[in-house]
């Protein structure tokens, strides 16, 4: 895989009332091999708002320590150049296979603006 991801996980403790505390994004791994691509980019105008929506997908090798609800700060190439500036939320994922057994993990990403 030709790209590298910086993966962070929320390590915040619950607040005094048992609710979710303020997110604390802790670096889990840097340089996780992956491949990212943009599937759809479209402009949405509804009269009041003007937004650009982009569907971004990523695959990691099977066994990579990446979970839904993690955060990816940026995607770089092997030389360290930023290809996709984040941060991105990692949305639901699936395990994929090209034959026998699972060989990669696939996720959708949402850009945080």
PDB file of N, CA and C in Angstrom:
ATOM      1  N   UNK A   1       0.849  -1.168   0.000  1.00  0.00           N
ATOM      2  CA  UNK A   1       0.000   0.000   0.000  1.00  0.00           C
ATOM      3  C   UNK A   1       0.895   1.231   0.000  1.00  0.00           C
ATOM      4  N   UNK A   2       0.523   2.201  -0.794  1.00  0.00           N
ATOM      5  CA  UNK A   2       1.423   3.314  -1.080  1.00  0.00           C
ATOM      6  C   UNK A   2       1.233   4.539  -0.192  1.00  0.00           C
ATOM      7  N   UNK A   3       0.258   4.523   0.687  1.00  0.00           N
ATOM      8  CA  UNK A   3      -0.012   5.689   1.533  1.00  0.00           C
ATOM      9  C   UNK A   3       0.147   5.317   3.005  1.00  0.00           C
ATOM     10  N   UNK A   4       0.273   6.343   3.851  1.00  0.00           N
ATOM     11  CA  UNK A   4       0.454   6.129   5.289  1.00  0.00           C
ATOM     12  C   UNK A   4      -0.506   7.022   6.057  1.00  0.00           C
ATOM     13  N   UNK A   5      -1.151   6.459   7.093  1.00  0.00           N
ATOM     14  CA  UNK A   5      -2.142   7.195   7.883  1.00  0.00           C
ATOM     15  C   UNK A   5      -1.644   7.413   9.297  1.00  0.00           C
ATOM     16  N   UNK A   6      -2.006   8.564   9.849  1.00  0.00           N
ATOM     17  CA  UNK A   6      -1.775   8.866  11.266  1.00  0.00           C
ATOM     18  C   UNK A   6      -3.105   8.636  11.976  1.00  0.00           C
ATOM     19  N   UNK A   7      -3.154   7.588  12.805  1.00  0.00           N
ATOM     20  CA  UNK A   7      -4.405   7.161  13.437  1.00  0.00           C
ATOM     21  C   UNK A   7      -4.432   7.587  14.900  1.00  0.00           C
ATOM     22  N   UNK A   8      -5.521   8.217  15.304  1.00  0.00           N
ATOM     23  CA  UNK A   8      -5.719   8.648  16.694  1.00  0.00           C
ATOM     24  C   UNK A   8      -7.003   8.041  17.242  1.00  0.00           C
ATOM     25  N   UNK A   9      -7.037   7.841  18.563  1.00  0.00           N
ATOM     26  CA  UNK A   9      -8.204   7.256  19.235  1.00  0.00           C
ATOM     27  C   UNK A   9      -8.586   8.135  20.414  1.00  0.00           C
ATOM     28  N   UNK A  10      -9.871   8.259  20.656  1.00  0.00           N
ATOM     29  CA  UNK A  10     -10.373   9.071  21.759  1.00  0.00           C
ATOM     30  C   UNK A  10     -10.081   8.348  23.077  1.00  0.00           C
ATOM     31  N   UNK A  11      -9.282   8.980  23.927  1.00  0.00           N
ATOM     32  CA  UNK A  11      -8.921   8.367  25.211  1.00  0.00           C
ATOM     33  C   UNK A  11      -9.530   9.134  26.383  1.00  0.00           C
ATOM     34  N   UNK A  12     -10.561   9.923  26.113  1.00  0.00           N
ATOM     35  CA  UNK A  12     -11.183  10.736  27.157  1.00  0.00           C
ATOM     36  C   UNK A  12     -11.963   9.866  28.130  1.00  0.00           C
ATOM     37  N   UNK A  13     -11.858  10.206  29.396  1.00  0.00           N
ATOM     38  CA  UNK A  13     -12.631   9.523  30.431  1.00  0.00           C
ATOM     39  C   UNK A  13     -14.016  10.163  30.518  1.00  0.00           C
ATOM     40  N   UNK A  14     -14.939   9.439  31.121  1.00  0.00           N
ATOM     41  CA  UNK A  14     -16.285   9.975  31.316  1.00  0.00           C
ATOM     42  C   UNK A  14     -16.221  11.161  32.281  1.00  0.00           C
ATOM     43  N   UNK A  15     -17.162  12.094  32.123  1.00  0.00           N
ATOM     44  CA  UNK A  15     -17.202  13.235  33.031  1.00  0.00           C
ATOM     45  C   UNK A  15     -17.824  12.823  34.367  1.00  0.00           C
ATOM     46  N   UNK A  16     -17.990  13.755  35.279  1.00  0.00           N
ATOM     47  CA  UNK A  16     -18.487  13.466  36.630  1.00  0.00           C
ATOM     48  C   UNK A  16     -19.906  12.890  36.635  1.00  0.00           C
ATOM     49  N   UNK A  17     -20.642  13.105  35.555  1.00  0.00           N
ATOM     50  CA  UNK A  17     -22.020  12.621  35.482  1.00  0.00           C
ATOM     51  C   UNK A  17     -22.149  11.350  34.652  1.00  0.00           C
ATOM     52  N   UNK A  18     -21.033  10.797  34.222  1.00  0.00           N
ATOM     53  CA  UNK A  18     -21.046   9.566  33.446  1.00  0.00           C
ATOM     54  C   UNK A  18     -21.205   9.767  31.956  1.00  0.00           C
ATOM     55  N   UNK A  19     -21.287  11.011  31.526  1.00  0.00           N
ATOM     56  CA  UNK A  19     -21.399  11.310  30.099  1.00  0.00           C
ATOM     57  C   UNK A  19     -20.030  11.332  29.445  1.00  0.00           C
ATOM     58  N   UNK A  20     -20.036  11.432  28.144  1.00  0.00           N
ATOM     59  CA  UNK A  20     -18.780  11.495  27.403  1.00  0.00           C
ATOM     60  C   UNK A  20     -18.041  12.781  27.742  1.00  0.00           C
ATOM     61  N   UNK A  21     -16.786  12.654  28.063  1.00  0.00           N
ATOM     62  CA  UNK A  21     -15.968  13.832  28.341  1.00  0.00           C
ATOM     63  C   UNK A  21     -15.511  14.492  27.055  1.00  0.00           C
ATOM     64  N   UNK A  22     -14.793  15.577  27.178  1.00  0.00           N
ATOM     65  CA  UNK A  22     -14.245  16.262  26.010  1.00  0.00           C
ATOM     66  C   UNK A  22     -13.257  15.322  25.315  1.00  0.00           C
ATOM     67  N   UNK A  23     -13.387  15.134  23.991  1.00  0.00           N
ATOM     68  CA  UNK A  23     -12.512  14.194  23.294  1.00  0.00           C
ATOM     69  C   UNK A  23     -11.031  14.533  23.486  1.00  0.00           C
ATOM     70  N   UNK A  24     -10.229  13.508  23.679  1.00  0.00           N
ATOM     71  CA  UNK A  24      -8.774  13.634  23.784  1.00  0.00           C
ATOM     72  C   UNK A  24      -8.188  12.643  22.775  1.00  0.00           C
ATOM     73  N   UNK A  25      -7.780  13.141  21.615  1.00  0.00           N
ATOM     74  CA  UNK A  25      -7.323  12.287  20.527  1.00  0.00           C
ATOM     75  C   UNK A  25      -5.857  11.933  20.725  1.00  0.00           C
ATOM     76  N   UNK A  26      -5.604  10.688  21.108  1.00  0.00           N
ATOM     77  CA  UNK A  26      -4.268  10.187  21.389  1.00  0.00           C
ATOM     78  C   UNK A  26      -3.737   9.426  20.181  1.00  0.00           C
ATOM     79  N   UNK A  27      -2.485   9.697  19.819  1.00  0.00           N
ATOM     80  CA  UNK A  27      -1.858   9.011  18.693  1.00  0.00           C
ATOM     81  C   UNK A  27      -1.731   7.527  19.011  1.00  0.00           C
ATOM     82  N   UNK A  28      -2.312   6.692  18.169  1.00  0.00           N
ATOM     83  CA  UNK A  28      -2.224   5.236  18.307  1.00  0.00           C
ATOM     84  C   UNK A  28      -1.056   4.728  17.471  1.00  0.00           C
ATOM     85  N   UNK A  29      -1.015   5.136  16.211  1.00  0.00           N
ATOM     86  CA  UNK A  29       0.041   4.733  15.290  1.00  0.00           C
ATOM     87  C   UNK A  29       0.228   5.797  14.236  1.00  0.00           C
ATOM     88  N   UNK A  30       1.450   5.954  13.804  1.00  0.00           N
ATOM     89  CA  UNK A  30       1.760   6.841  12.680  1.00  0.00           C
ATOM     90  C   UNK A  30       2.380   5.975  11.595  1.00  0.00           C
ATOM     91  N   UNK A  31       2.054   6.254  10.370  1.00  0.00           N
ATOM     92  CA  UNK A  31       2.627   5.499   9.266  1.00  0.00           C
ATOM     93  C   UNK A  31       1.953   4.166   9.003  1.00  0.00           C
ATOM     94  N   UNK A  32       0.649   4.059   9.292  1.00  0.00           N
ATOM     95  CA  UNK A  32      -0.086   2.816   9.038  1.00  0.00           C
ATOM     96  C   UNK A  32      -0.311   2.697   7.525  1.00  0.00           C
ATOM     97  N   UNK A  33       0.183   1.623   6.892  1.00  0.00           N
ATOM     98  CA  UNK A  33       0.008   1.466   5.449  1.00  0.00           C
ATOM     99  C   UNK A  33      -1.475   1.420   5.069  1.00  0.00           C
ATOM    100  N   UNK A  34      -1.820   2.164   4.019  1.00  0.00           N
ATOM    101  CA  UNK A  34      -3.205   2.226   3.573  1.00  0.00           C
ATOM    102  C   UNK A  34      -3.260   2.690   2.133  1.00  0.00           C
ATOM    103  N   UNK A  35      -4.465   2.729   1.586  1.00  0.00           N
ATOM    104  CA  UNK A  35      -4.701   3.353   0.285  1.00  0.00           C
ATOM    105  C   UNK A  35      -6.027   4.085   0.380  1.00  0.00           C
ATOM    106  N   UNK A  36      -6.046   5.359  -0.011  1.00  0.00           N
ATOM    107  CA  UNK A  36      -7.216   6.230   0.104  1.00  0.00           C
ATOM    108  C   UNK A  36      -7.583   6.760  -1.281  1.00  0.00           C
ATOM    109  N   UNK A  37      -8.883   6.879  -1.533  1.00  0.00           N
ATOM    110  CA  UNK A  37      -9.335   7.505  -2.769  1.00  0.00           C
ATOM    111  C   UNK A  37     -10.659   8.212  -2.528  1.00  0.00           C
ATOM    112  N   UNK A  38     -10.900   9.184  -3.384  1.00  0.00           N
ATOM    113  CA  UNK A  38     -12.137   9.958  -3.329  1.00  0.00           C
ATOM    114  C   UNK A  38     -13.069   9.393  -4.390  1.00  0.00           C
ATOM    115  N   UNK A  39     -14.256   8.977  -3.955  1.00  0.00           N
ATOM    116  CA  UNK A  39     -15.203   8.378  -4.891  1.00  0.00           C
ATOM    117  C   UNK A  39     -16.083   9.418  -5.567  1.00  0.00           C
ATOM    118  N   UNK A  40     -16.694  10.273  -4.775  1.00  0.00           N
ATOM    119  CA  UNK A  40     -17.669  11.227  -5.296  1.00  0.00           C
ATOM    120  C   UNK A  40     -17.407  12.584  -4.663  1.00  0.00           C
ATOM    121  N   UNK A  41     -17.407  13.618  -5.473  1.00  0.00           N
ATOM    122  CA  UNK A  41     -17.342  14.972  -4.949  1.00  0.00           C
ATOM    123  C   UNK A  41     -18.411  15.768  -5.678  1.00  0.00           C
ATOM    124  N   UNK A  42     -19.311  16.363  -4.909  1.00  0.00           N
ATOM    125  CA  UNK A  42     -20.392  17.128  -5.522  1.00  0.00           C
ATOM    126  C   UNK A  42     -20.730  18.345  -4.681  1.00  0.00           C
ATOM    127  N   UNK A  43     -21.225  19.362  -5.330  1.00  0.00           N
ATOM    128  CA  UNK A  43     -21.651  20.574  -4.649  1.00  0.00           C
ATOM    129  C   UNK A  43     -23.141  20.469  -4.384  1.00  0.00           C
ATOM    130  N   UNK A  44     -23.544  20.778  -3.145  1.00  0.00           N
ATOM    131  CA  UNK A  44     -24.945  20.729  -2.735  1.00  0.00           C
ATOM    132  C   UNK A  44     -25.375  22.143  -2.364  1.00  0.00           C
ATOM    133  N   UNK A  45     -26.419  22.634  -3.025  1.00  0.00           N
ATOM    134  CA  UNK A  45     -26.946  23.969  -2.759  1.00  0.00           C
ATOM    135  C   UNK A  45     -28.431  23.822  -2.467  1.00  0.00           C
ATOM    136  N   UNK A  46     -28.854  24.316  -1.291  1.00  0.00           N
ATOM    137  CA  UNK A  46     -30.274  24.193  -0.945  1.00  0.00           C
ATOM    138  C   UNK A  46     -30.932  25.552  -0.707  1.00  0.00           C
ATOM    139  N   UNK A  47     -30.393  26.586  -1.273  1.00  0.00           N
ATOM    140  CA  UNK A  47     -30.976  27.917  -1.098  1.00  0.00           C
ATOM    141  C   UNK A  47     -30.308  28.713  -0.006  1.00  0.00           C
ATOM    142  N   UNK A  48     -30.060  28.122   1.141  1.00  0.00           N
ATOM    143  CA  UNK A  48     -29.429  28.812   2.260  1.00  0.00           C
ATOM    144  C   UNK A  48     -27.963  28.412   2.428  1.00  0.00           C
ATOM    145  N   UNK A  49     -27.682  27.151   2.162  1.00  0.00           N
ATOM    146  CA  UNK A  49     -26.325  26.664   2.372  1.00  0.00           C
ATOM    147  C   UNK A  49     -25.736  26.177   1.065  1.00  0.00           C
ATOM    148  N   UNK A  50     -24.422  26.276   1.006  1.00  0.00           N
ATOM    149  CA  UNK A  50     -23.673  25.853  -0.154  1.00  0.00           C
ATOM    150  C   UNK A  50     -22.543  24.976   0.375  1.00  0.00           C
ATOM    151  N   UNK A  51     -22.583  23.681   0.096  1.00  0.00           N
ATOM    152  CA  UNK A  51     -21.590  22.776   0.671  1.00  0.00           C
ATOM    153  C   UNK A  51     -21.023  21.866  -0.406  1.00  0.00           C
ATOM    154  N   UNK A  52     -19.812  21.382  -0.158  1.00  0.00           N
ATOM    155  CA  UNK A  52     -19.210  20.393  -1.026  1.00  0.00           C
ATOM    156  C   UNK A  52     -19.120  19.086  -0.250  1.00  0.00           C
ATOM    157  N   UNK A  53     -19.695  18.040  -0.825  1.00  0.00           N
ATOM    158  CA  UNK A  53     -19.734  16.732  -0.176  1.00  0.00           C
ATOM    159  C   UNK A  53     -18.787  15.806  -0.926  1.00  0.00           C
ATOM    160  N   UNK A  54     -17.942  15.127  -0.170  1.00  0.00           N
ATOM    161  CA  UNK A  54     -16.971  14.220  -0.770  1.00  0.00           C
ATOM    162  C   UNK A  54     -17.039  12.876  -0.054  1.00  0.00           C
ATOM    163  N   UNK A  55     -17.145  11.807  -0.804  1.00  0.00           N
ATOM    164  CA  UNK A  55     -17.118  10.465  -0.232  1.00  0.00           C
ATOM    165  C   UNK A  55     -15.709   9.921  -0.393  1.00  0.00           C
ATOM    166  N   UNK A  56     -15.079   9.607   0.721  1.00  0.00           N
ATOM    167  CA  UNK A  56     -13.691   9.160   0.725  1.00  0.00           C
ATOM    168  C   UNK A  56     -13.647   7.749   1.295  1.00  0.00           C
ATOM    169  N   UNK A  57     -12.880   6.877   0.658  1.00  0.00           N
ATOM    170  CA  UNK A  57     -12.755   5.496   1.117  1.00  0.00           C
ATOM    171  C   UNK A  57     -11.286   5.190   1.408  1.00  0.00           C
ATOM    172  N   UNK A  58     -11.065   4.244   2.330  1.00  0.00           N
ATOM    173  CA  UNK A  58      -9.706   3.840   2.706  1.00  0.00           C
ATOM    174  C   UNK A  58      -9.683   2.337   2.944  1.00  0.00           C
ATOM    175  N   UNK A  59      -8.576   1.705   2.594  1.00  0.00           N
ATOM    176  CA  UNK A  59      -8.362   0.301   2.931  1.00  0.00           C
ATOM    177  C   UNK A  59      -7.045   0.180   3.690  1.00  0.00           C
ATOM    178  N   UNK A  60      -7.055  -0.721   4.679  1.00  0.00           N
ATOM    179  CA  UNK A  60      -5.877  -1.071   5.469  1.00  0.00           C
ATOM    180  C   UNK A  60      -5.674  -2.574   5.363  1.00  0.00           C
ATOM    181  N   UNK A  61      -4.461  -3.026   5.635  1.00  0.00           N
ATOM    182  CA  UNK A  61      -4.213  -4.466   5.697  1.00  0.00           C
ATOM    183  C   UNK A  61      -5.012  -5.065   6.849  1.00  0.00           C
ATOM    184  N   UNK A  62      -5.385  -6.331   6.709  1.00  0.00           N
ATOM    185  CA  UNK A  62      -6.070  -7.037   7.789  1.00  0.00           C
ATOM    186  C   UNK A  62      -5.191  -7.011   9.026  1.00  0.00           C
ATOM    187  N   UNK A  63      -5.809  -6.810  10.179  1.00  0.00           N
ATOM    188  CA  UNK A  63      -5.063  -6.775  11.429  1.00  0.00           C
ATOM    189  C   UNK A  63      -4.573  -5.399  11.830  1.00  0.00           C
ATOM    190  N   UNK A  64      -4.781  -4.391  10.983  1.00  0.00           N
ATOM    191  CA  UNK A  64      -4.375  -3.025  11.336  1.00  0.00           C
ATOM    192  C   UNK A  64      -5.197  -2.551  12.532  1.00  0.00           C
ATOM    193  N   UNK A  65      -4.559  -1.812  13.430  1.00  0.00           N
ATOM    194  CA  UNK A  65      -5.240  -1.316  14.636  1.00  0.00           C
ATOM    195  C   UNK A  65      -6.008  -0.038  14.304  1.00  0.00           C
ATOM    196  N   UNK A  66      -7.094  -0.195  13.548  1.00  0.00           N
ATOM    197  CA  UNK A  66      -7.957   0.915  13.165  1.00  0.00           C
ATOM    198  C   UNK A  66      -9.390   0.475  13.429  1.00  0.00           C
ATOM    199  N   UNK A  67     -10.129   1.320  14.123  1.00  0.00           N
ATOM    200  CA  UNK A  67     -11.515   1.004  14.485  1.00  0.00           C
ATOM    201  C   UNK A  67     -12.448   2.107  13.994  1.00  0.00           C
ATOM    202  N   UNK A  68     -13.716   1.742  13.830  1.00  0.00           N
ATOM    203  CA  UNK A  68     -14.717   2.768  13.553  1.00  0.00           C
ATOM    204  C   UNK A  68     -14.704   3.742  14.724  1.00  0.00           C
ATOM    205  N   UNK A  69     -14.873   4.998  14.464  1.00  0.00           N
ATOM    206  CA  UNK A  69     -14.873   6.107  15.416  1.00  0.00           C
ATOM    207  C   UNK A  69     -13.465   6.564  15.804  1.00  0.00           C
ATOM    208  N   UNK A  70     -12.426   5.996  15.185  1.00  0.00           N
ATOM    209  CA  UNK A  70     -11.092   6.564  15.329  1.00  0.00           C
ATOM    210  C   UNK A  70     -11.037   7.827  14.485  1.00  0.00           C
ATOM    211  N   UNK A  71      -9.906   8.487  14.515  1.00  0.00           N
ATOM    212  CA  UNK A  71      -9.708   9.690  13.716  1.00  0.00           C
ATOM    213  C   UNK A  71      -8.393   9.564  12.963  1.00  0.00           C
ATOM    214  N   UNK A  72      -8.410   9.965  11.707  1.00  0.00           N
ATOM    215  CA  UNK A  72      -7.191  10.006  10.909  1.00  0.00           C
ATOM    216  C   UNK A  72      -6.849  11.475  10.700  1.00  0.00           C
ATOM    217  N   UNK A  73      -5.671  11.861  11.157  1.00  0.00           N
ATOM    218  CA  UNK A  73      -5.267  13.268  11.063  1.00  0.00           C
ATOM    219  C   UNK A  73      -4.855  13.653   9.653  1.00  0.00           C
ATOM    220  N   UNK A  74      -4.112  12.774   8.996  1.00  0.00           N
ATOM    221  CA  UNK A  74      -3.687  13.058   7.635  1.00  0.00           C
ATOM    222  C   UNK A  74      -3.216  11.787   6.960  1.00  0.00           C
ATOM    223  N   UNK A  75      -3.209  11.825   5.630  1.00  0.00           N
ATOM    224  CA  UNK A  75      -2.720  10.713   4.823  1.00  0.00           C
ATOM    225  C   UNK A  75      -1.518  11.248   4.047  1.00  0.00           C
ATOM    226  N   UNK A  76      -0.411  10.519   4.133  1.00  0.00           N
ATOM    227  CA  UNK A  76       0.825  10.930   3.459  1.00  0.00           C
ATOM    228  C   UNK A  76       1.260   9.852   2.484  1.00  0.00           C
ATOM    229  N   UNK A  77       2.148  10.239   1.558  1.00  0.00           N
ATOM    230  CA  UNK A  77       2.780   9.225   0.728  1.00  0.00           C
ATOM    231  C   UNK A  77       3.998   8.683   1.484  1.00  0.00           C
ATOM    232  N   UNK A  78       4.716   7.764   0.889  1.00  0.00           N
ATOM    233  CA  UNK A  78       5.848   7.138   1.580  1.00  0.00           C
ATOM    234  C   UNK A  78       6.977   8.115   1.864  1.00  0.00           C
ATOM    235  N   UNK A  79       7.027   9.218   1.153  1.00  0.00           N
ATOM    236  CA  UNK A  79       8.078  10.220   1.370  1.00  0.00           C
ATOM    237  C   UNK A  79       7.667  11.286   2.380  1.00  0.00           C
ATOM    238  N   UNK A  80       6.461  11.173   2.925  1.00  0.00           N
ATOM    239  CA  UNK A  80       6.021  12.108   3.948  1.00  0.00           C
ATOM    240  C   UNK A  80       5.243  13.308   3.445  1.00  0.00           C
ATOM    241  N   UNK A  81       4.949  13.369   2.156  1.00  0.00           N
ATOM    242  CA  UNK A  81       4.147  14.477   1.620  1.00  0.00           C
ATOM    243  C   UNK A  81       2.668  14.237   1.903  1.00  0.00           C
ATOM    244  N   UNK A  82       1.979  15.254   2.384  1.00  0.00           N
ATOM    245  CA  UNK A  82       0.557  15.129   2.720  1.00  0.00           C
ATOM    246  C   UNK A  82      -0.261  15.066   1.426  1.00  0.00           C
ATOM    247  N   UNK A  83      -1.040  13.985   1.303  1.00  0.00           N
ATOM    248  CA  UNK A  83      -1.910  13.801   0.139  1.00  0.00           C
ATOM    249  C   UNK A  83      -3.346  14.198   0.443  1.00  0.00           C
ATOM    250  N   UNK A  84      -3.816  13.867   1.648  1.00  0.00           N
ATOM    251  CA  UNK A  84      -5.158  14.211   2.106  1.00  0.00           C
ATOM    252  C   UNK A  84      -5.016  14.831   3.488  1.00  0.00           C
ATOM    253  N   UNK A  85      -5.309  16.119   3.586  1.00  0.00           N
ATOM    254  CA  UNK A  85      -5.258  16.793   4.883  1.00  0.00           C
ATOM    255  C   UNK A  85      -6.556  16.517   5.623  1.00  0.00           C
ATOM    256  N   UNK A  86      -6.466  16.171   6.863  1.00  0.00           N
ATOM    257  CA  UNK A  86      -7.634  15.845   7.672  1.00  0.00           C
ATOM    258  C   UNK A  86      -7.981  16.987   8.587  1.00  0.00           C
ATOM    259  N   UNK A  87      -8.592  16.693   9.669  1.00  0.00           N
ATOM    260  CA  UNK A  87      -8.845  15.349  10.169  1.00  0.00           C
ATOM    261  C   UNK A  87     -10.069  14.713   9.533  1.00  0.00           C
ATOM    262  N   UNK A  88     -10.108  13.361   9.594  1.00  0.00           N
ATOM    263  CA  UNK A  88     -11.211  12.564   9.098  1.00  0.00           C
ATOM    264  C   UNK A  88     -11.739  11.689  10.224  1.00  0.00           C
ATOM    265  N   UNK A  89     -13.049  11.537  10.297  1.00  0.00           N
ATOM    266  CA  UNK A  89     -13.652  10.541  11.172  1.00  0.00           C
ATOM    267  C   UNK A  89     -13.692   9.232  10.412  1.00  0.00           C
ATOM    268  N   UNK A  90     -13.346   8.135  11.077  1.00  0.00           N
ATOM    269  CA  UNK A  90     -13.454   6.810  10.485  1.00  0.00           C
ATOM    270  C   UNK A  90     -14.871   6.314  10.757  1.00  0.00           C
ATOM    271  N   UNK A  91     -15.607   6.035   9.700  1.00  0.00           N
ATOM    272  CA  UNK A  91     -16.978   5.556   9.840  1.00  0.00           C
ATOM    273  C   UNK A  91     -16.993   4.033   9.779  1.00  0.00           C
ATOM    274  N   UNK A  92     -18.160   3.458   9.683  1.00  0.00           N
ATOM    275  CA  UNK A  92     -18.288   2.004   9.711  1.00  0.00           C
ATOM    276  C   UNK A  92     -17.404   1.344   8.670  1.00  0.00           C
ATOM    277  N   UNK A  93     -16.889   0.192   9.042  1.00  0.00           N
ATOM    278  CA  UNK A  93     -15.981  -0.522   8.166  1.00  0.00           C
ATOM    279  C   UNK A  93     -16.420  -1.950   7.941  1.00  0.00           C
ATOM    280  N   UNK A  94     -15.775  -2.589   6.991  1.00  0.00           N
ATOM    281  CA  UNK A  94     -16.031  -3.991   6.697  1.00  0.00           C
ATOM    282  C   UNK A  94     -14.714  -4.696   6.448  1.00  0.00           C
ATOM    283  N   UNK A  95     -14.710  -5.992   6.666  1.00  0.00           N
ATOM    284  CA  UNK A  95     -13.557  -6.809   6.336  1.00  0.00           C
ATOM    285  C   UNK A  95     -13.775  -7.345   4.935  1.00  0.00           C
ATOM    286  N   UNK A  96     -12.738  -7.267   4.125  1.00  0.00           N
ATOM    287  CA  UNK A  96     -12.861  -7.679   2.723  1.00  0.00           C
ATOM    288  C   UNK A  96     -11.876  -8.799   2.428  1.00  0.00           C
ATOM    289  N   UNK A  97     -12.161  -9.516   1.359  1.00  0.00           N
ATOM    290  CA  UNK A  97     -11.328 -10.637   0.978  1.00  0.00           C
ATOM    291  C   UNK A  97     -11.247 -10.715  -0.533  1.00  0.00           C
ATOM    292  N   UNK A  98     -10.081 -11.071  -1.022  1.00  0.00           N
ATOM    293  CA  UNK A  98      -9.922 -11.305  -2.455  1.00  0.00           C
ATOM    294  C   UNK A  98      -9.883 -12.809  -2.732  1.00  0.00           C
ATOM    295  N   UNK A  99     -10.062 -13.605  -1.719  1.00  0.00           N
ATOM    296  CA  UNK A  99     -10.016 -15.060  -1.854  1.00  0.00           C
ATOM    297  C   UNK A  99     -10.296 -15.688  -0.510  1.00  0.00           C
ATOM    298  N   UNK A 100      -9.437 -16.582  -0.079  1.00  0.00           N
ATOM    299  CA  UNK A 100      -9.594 -17.246   1.215  1.00  0.00           C
ATOM    300  C   UNK A 100      -9.173 -16.319   2.336  1.00  0.00           C
ATOM    301  N   UNK A 101     -10.036 -16.121   3.322  1.00  0.00           N
ATOM    302  CA  UNK A 101      -9.696 -15.318   4.491  1.00  0.00           C
ATOM    303  C   UNK A 101      -9.751 -13.828   4.228  1.00  0.00           C
ATOM    304  N   UNK A 102      -9.725 -13.080   5.305  1.00  0.00           N
ATOM    305  CA  UNK A 102      -9.781 -11.620   5.239  1.00  0.00           C
ATOM    306  C   UNK A 102      -8.385 -11.087   4.942  1.00  0.00           C
ATOM    307  N   UNK A 103      -8.252 -10.214   3.948  1.00  0.00           N
ATOM    308  CA  UNK A 103      -6.941  -9.667   3.653  1.00  0.00           C
ATOM    309  C   UNK A 103      -6.869  -8.143   3.783  1.00  0.00           C
ATOM    310  N   UNK A 104      -8.008  -7.470   3.974  1.00  0.00           N
ATOM    311  CA  UNK A 104      -7.953  -6.032   4.236  1.00  0.00           C
ATOM    312  C   UNK A 104      -9.233  -5.521   4.896  1.00  0.00           C
ATOM    313  N   UNK A 105      -9.105  -4.337   5.479  1.00  0.00           N
ATOM    314  CA  UNK A 105     -10.223  -3.653   6.126  1.00  0.00           C
ATOM    315  C   UNK A 105     -10.579  -2.445   5.278  1.00  0.00           C
ATOM    316  N   UNK A 106     -11.856  -2.209   5.068  1.00  0.00           N
ATOM    317  CA  UNK A 106     -12.313  -1.069   4.278  1.00  0.00           C
ATOM    318  C   UNK A 106     -13.195  -0.176   5.134  1.00  0.00           C
ATOM    319  N   UNK A 107     -12.957   1.125   5.061  1.00  0.00           N
ATOM    320  CA  UNK A 107     -13.734   2.100   5.825  1.00  0.00           C
ATOM    321  C   UNK A 107     -14.127   3.259   4.919  1.00  0.00           C
ATOM    322  N   UNK A 108     -15.183   3.938   5.309  1.00  0.00           N
ATOM    323  CA  UNK A 108     -15.516   5.236   4.722  1.00  0.00           C
ATOM    324  C   UNK A 108     -15.019   6.297   5.678  1.00  0.00           C
ATOM    325  N   UNK A 109     -14.589   7.418   5.143  1.00  0.00           N
ATOM    326  CA  UNK A 109     -14.105   8.535   5.956  1.00  0.00           C
ATOM    327  C   UNK A 109     -15.019   9.730   5.773  1.00  0.00           C
ATOM    328  N   UNK A 110     -15.110  10.551   6.808  1.00  0.00           N
ATOM    329  CA  UNK A 110     -15.845  11.818   6.736  1.00  0.00           C
ATOM    330  C   UNK A 110     -14.884  12.920   7.132  1.00  0.00           C
ATOM    331  N   UNK A 111     -14.712  13.892   6.244  1.00  0.00           N
ATOM    332  CA  UNK A 111     -13.822  15.019   6.516  1.00  0.00           C
ATOM    333  C   UNK A 111     -14.473  15.910   7.569  1.00  0.00           C
ATOM    334  N   UNK A 112     -13.701  16.324   8.552  1.00  0.00           N
ATOM    335  CA  UNK A 112     -14.197  17.187   9.622  1.00  0.00           C
ATOM    336  C   UNK A 112     -13.865  18.625   9.236  1.00  0.00           C
ATOM    337  N   UNK A 113     -14.881  19.453   9.126  1.00  0.00           N
ATOM    338  CA  UNK A 113     -14.647  20.838   8.711  1.00  0.00           C
ATOM    339  C   UNK A 113     -14.944  21.785   9.845  1.00  0.00           C
TER     340      UNK A 113
END
